[in-house]
Amino acid sequence: MSSTQPQYVQDRYGFSHEAFYSLLNDSATDCNALCGAGNQTCFKNCVVKNKQLINTMRNYIIDTNRKETTFPHL
């Protein structure tokens, strides 16, 4: 019986899906602590905002890498 390691999926900018979901999982833990047990509306809003923030950070990384590749003097 052979075991297989989960494939490490990474986009061309070095931002892995594992990193994204790890950040999202950490933010969900933080949101749970912030909102308290049972406050689903607060929790959902918090996770959505954090997901948007994570995507913004990823887009910044992509944009920065693109500028460094295209315009190395900037």
Protein backbone atom coordinates (compact mmCIF):
# COMPACT_ATOMS: atom_id res chain seq x y z
CA MET A 1 0.00 0.00 0.00
CA SER A 2 1.58 3.24 -1.07
CA SER A 3 0.87 6.59 0.43
CA THR A 4 0.76 9.71 -1.66
CA GLN A 5 1.72 13.15 -0.51
CA PRO A 6 -0.72 15.95 -1.30
CA GLN A 7 0.51 17.87 -4.30
CA TYR A 8 1.93 21.28 -3.52
CA VAL A 9 0.05 23.58 -5.87
CA GLN A 10 1.62 26.95 -6.47
CA ASP A 11 0.76 29.62 -8.97
CA ARG A 12 3.43 31.26 -11.09
CA TYR A 13 3.79 34.07 -8.57
CA GLY A 14 4.73 31.79 -5.70
CA PHE A 15 1.42 32.01 -3.84
CA SER A 16 0.32 28.48 -3.04
CA HIS A 17 -3.23 27.32 -2.50
CA GLU A 18 -1.99 25.85 0.77
CA ALA A 19 -0.82 29.29 1.88
CA PHE A 20 -4.18 30.83 0.95
CA TYR A 21 -6.20 28.23 2.86
CA SER A 22 -3.80 28.31 5.79
CA LEU A 23 -4.27 32.07 6.07
CA LEU A 24 -8.03 31.68 5.70
CA ASN A 25 -8.11 28.97 8.38
CA ASP A 26 -6.08 31.15 10.75
CA SER A 27 -8.40 34.08 10.11
CA ALA A 28 -11.45 31.87 10.79
CA THR A 29 -9.93 30.94 14.16
CA ASP A 30 -9.36 34.63 14.90
CA CYS A 31 -12.90 35.51 13.81
CA ASN A 32 -14.33 32.83 16.08
CA ALA A 33 -12.43 34.29 19.02
CA LEU A 34 -13.50 37.83 18.09
CA CYS A 35 -17.19 37.11 17.53
CA GLY A 36 -17.80 34.54 20.23
CA ALA A 37 -19.59 31.23 19.97
CA GLY A 38 -22.87 31.19 18.11
CA ASN A 39 -22.63 34.61 16.47
CA GLN A 40 -22.81 33.36 12.89
CA THR A 41 -23.49 36.76 11.30
CA CYS A 42 -20.38 38.31 12.85
CA PHE A 43 -18.32 35.22 12.00
CA LYS A 44 -19.44 35.14 8.36
CA ASN A 45 -18.78 38.87 7.88
CA CYS A 46 -15.37 38.57 9.52
CA VAL A 47 -14.30 35.61 7.35
CA VAL A 48 -15.52 37.31 4.17
CA LYS A 49 -13.55 40.47 5.01
CA ASN A 50 -10.43 38.43 5.78
CA LYS A 51 -10.78 36.49 2.52
CA GLN A 52 -10.99 39.80 0.66
CA LEU A 53 -7.87 41.00 2.49
CA ILE A 54 -5.97 37.81 1.63
CA ASN A 55 -6.94 38.18 -2.04
CA THR A 56 -5.82 41.83 -1.95
CA MET A 57 -2.44 40.77 -0.53
CA ARG A 58 -2.09 38.12 -3.25
CA ASN A 59 -2.96 40.64 -5.95
CA TYR A 60 -0.37 43.04 -4.53
CA ILE A 61 2.27 40.31 -4.70
CA ILE A 62 1.31 39.57 -8.31
CA ASP A 63 1.36 43.26 -9.25
CA THR A 64 4.71 43.83 -7.53
CA ASN A 65 6.26 40.81 -9.25
CA ARG A 66 4.90 41.93 -12.61
CA LYS A 67 6.38 45.43 -12.19
CA GLU A 68 9.75 44.04 -11.12
CA THR A 69 9.79 41.76 -14.17
CA THR A 70 8.53 44.34 -16.64
CA PHE A 71 10.09 47.49 -15.18
CA PRO A 72 13.12 46.40 -13.13
CA HIS A 73 14.25 50.01 -12.70
CA LEU A 74 11.10 50.95 -10.70
